[in-house]
Amino acid sequence: MIWHGTQNELEYDFVVRPGADPSKIRFALKGAQNLHIDQGGNLVAKTSAGEFAQKAPTIYQETAEGRRMERREEAVENKGRRPRH
């Protein structure tokens, strides 16, 4: 994981080696009471402190020809269920 950002936002990238399985990547949001994906594809978590939005992922592969954008599929587990959109 590589962390980066600006003065107002913190972001991170998962860097996956060739041949590795990116579906093994997992993270959890402690204290999240409800998760859903908004119309923009962002993950929204409700917590006791308010709502927290995680920007929709950008998925790409670095190649000799440059950066190639990949298809994005969202999957969120919320106590074993997919959230409602």
Protein backbone atom coordinates (compact mmCIF):
# COMPACT_ATOMS: atom_id res chain seq x y z
CA MET A 1 0.00 0.00 0.00
CA ILE A 2 1.27 3.43 -0.94
CA TRP A 3 -0.14 6.49 0.83
CA HIS A 4 -0.27 9.93 -0.84
CA GLY A 5 -2.46 12.99 -0.87
CA THR A 6 -2.94 16.72 -0.93
CA GLN A 7 -3.55 19.20 1.86
CA ASN A 8 -7.22 18.20 2.05
CA GLU A 9 -7.33 14.51 1.08
CA LEU A 10 -5.46 11.36 1.95
CA GLU A 11 -5.43 8.60 -0.66
CA TYR A 12 -3.82 5.21 -1.03
CA ASP A 13 -2.94 2.76 -3.77
CA PHE A 14 -2.74 -1.00 -3.58
CA VAL A 15 0.20 -2.09 -5.74
CA VAL A 16 -0.19 -5.69 -6.89
CA ARG A 17 2.64 -7.73 -8.40
CA PRO A 18 2.17 -9.39 -11.80
CA GLY A 19 0.44 -12.73 -11.29
CA ALA A 20 -0.92 -11.78 -7.84
CA ASP A 21 -4.64 -12.01 -7.10
CA PRO A 22 -6.10 -8.53 -6.38
CA SER A 23 -9.35 -10.11 -5.16
CA LYS A 24 -7.45 -10.99 -1.96
CA ILE A 25 -7.30 -7.31 -0.97
CA ARG A 26 -9.56 -6.58 2.02
CA PHE A 27 -10.07 -3.66 4.37
CA ALA A 28 -12.51 -2.94 7.14
CA LEU A 29 -14.02 0.24 8.50
CA LYS A 30 -14.24 -0.06 12.27
CA GLY A 31 -17.26 1.67 13.72
CA ALA A 32 -19.21 1.69 10.46
CA GLN A 33 -22.89 1.14 11.21
CA ASN A 34 -24.08 1.08 7.62
CA LEU A 35 -22.34 0.87 4.24
CA HIS A 36 -23.71 1.71 0.82
CA ILE A 37 -22.47 2.72 -2.62
CA ASP A 38 -23.81 6.05 -3.85
CA GLN A 39 -24.71 6.96 -7.44
CA GLY A 40 -21.14 8.03 -8.13
CA GLY A 41 -19.75 4.65 -7.09
CA ASN A 42 -18.35 5.99 -3.81
CA LEU A 43 -18.47 3.89 -0.65
CA VAL A 44 -20.40 5.74 2.06
CA ALA A 45 -20.13 4.64 5.68
CA LYS A 46 -22.37 5.93 8.44
CA THR A 47 -20.65 6.18 11.83
CA SER A 48 -21.49 7.70 15.19
CA ALA A 49 -19.42 10.73 14.11
CA GLY A 50 -21.32 11.17 10.83
CA GLU A 51 -20.90 9.98 7.25
CA PHE A 52 -17.57 9.09 5.72
CA ALA A 53 -17.18 8.77 1.93
CA GLN A 54 -14.47 6.72 0.24
CA LYS A 55 -14.00 7.72 -3.42
CA ALA A 56 -14.79 5.13 -6.08
CA PRO A 57 -11.66 3.19 -7.04
CA THR A 58 -9.66 3.78 -10.18
CA ILE A 59 -8.16 0.56 -11.42
CA TYR A 60 -5.30 0.50 -13.90
CA GLN A 61 -2.37 -1.57 -15.03
CA GLU A 62 1.06 -0.15 -15.83
CA THR A 63 2.35 -1.55 -19.13
CA ALA A 64 5.29 -0.80 -21.42
CA GLU A 65 2.87 1.32 -23.48
CA GLY A 66 1.70 3.29 -20.44
CA ARG A 67 -1.21 3.14 -18.02
CA ARG A 68 -4.15 0.96 -19.15
CA MET A 69 -7.46 1.52 -17.39
CA GLU A 70 -9.23 -1.64 -16.22
CA ARG A 71 -12.90 -2.41 -15.76
CA ARG A 72 -14.16 -1.57 -12.27
CA GLU A 73 -16.43 -3.82 -10.28
CA GLU A 74 -17.53 -2.87 -6.79
CA ALA A 75 -18.09 -5.45 -4.12
CA VAL A 76 -18.91 -4.45 -0.59
CA GLU A 77 -19.65 -6.83 2.21
CA ASN A 78 -21.99 -5.59 4.90
CA LYS A 79 -22.37 -8.44 7.35
CA GLY A 80 -22.33 -10.88 4.45
CA ARG A 81 -24.79 -8.95 2.26
CA ARG A 82 -24.25 -6.63 -0.69
CA PRO A 83 -25.50 -3.12 0.10
CA ARG A 84 -28.54 -1.67 -1.57
CA HIS A 85 -27.86 1.03 -4.18
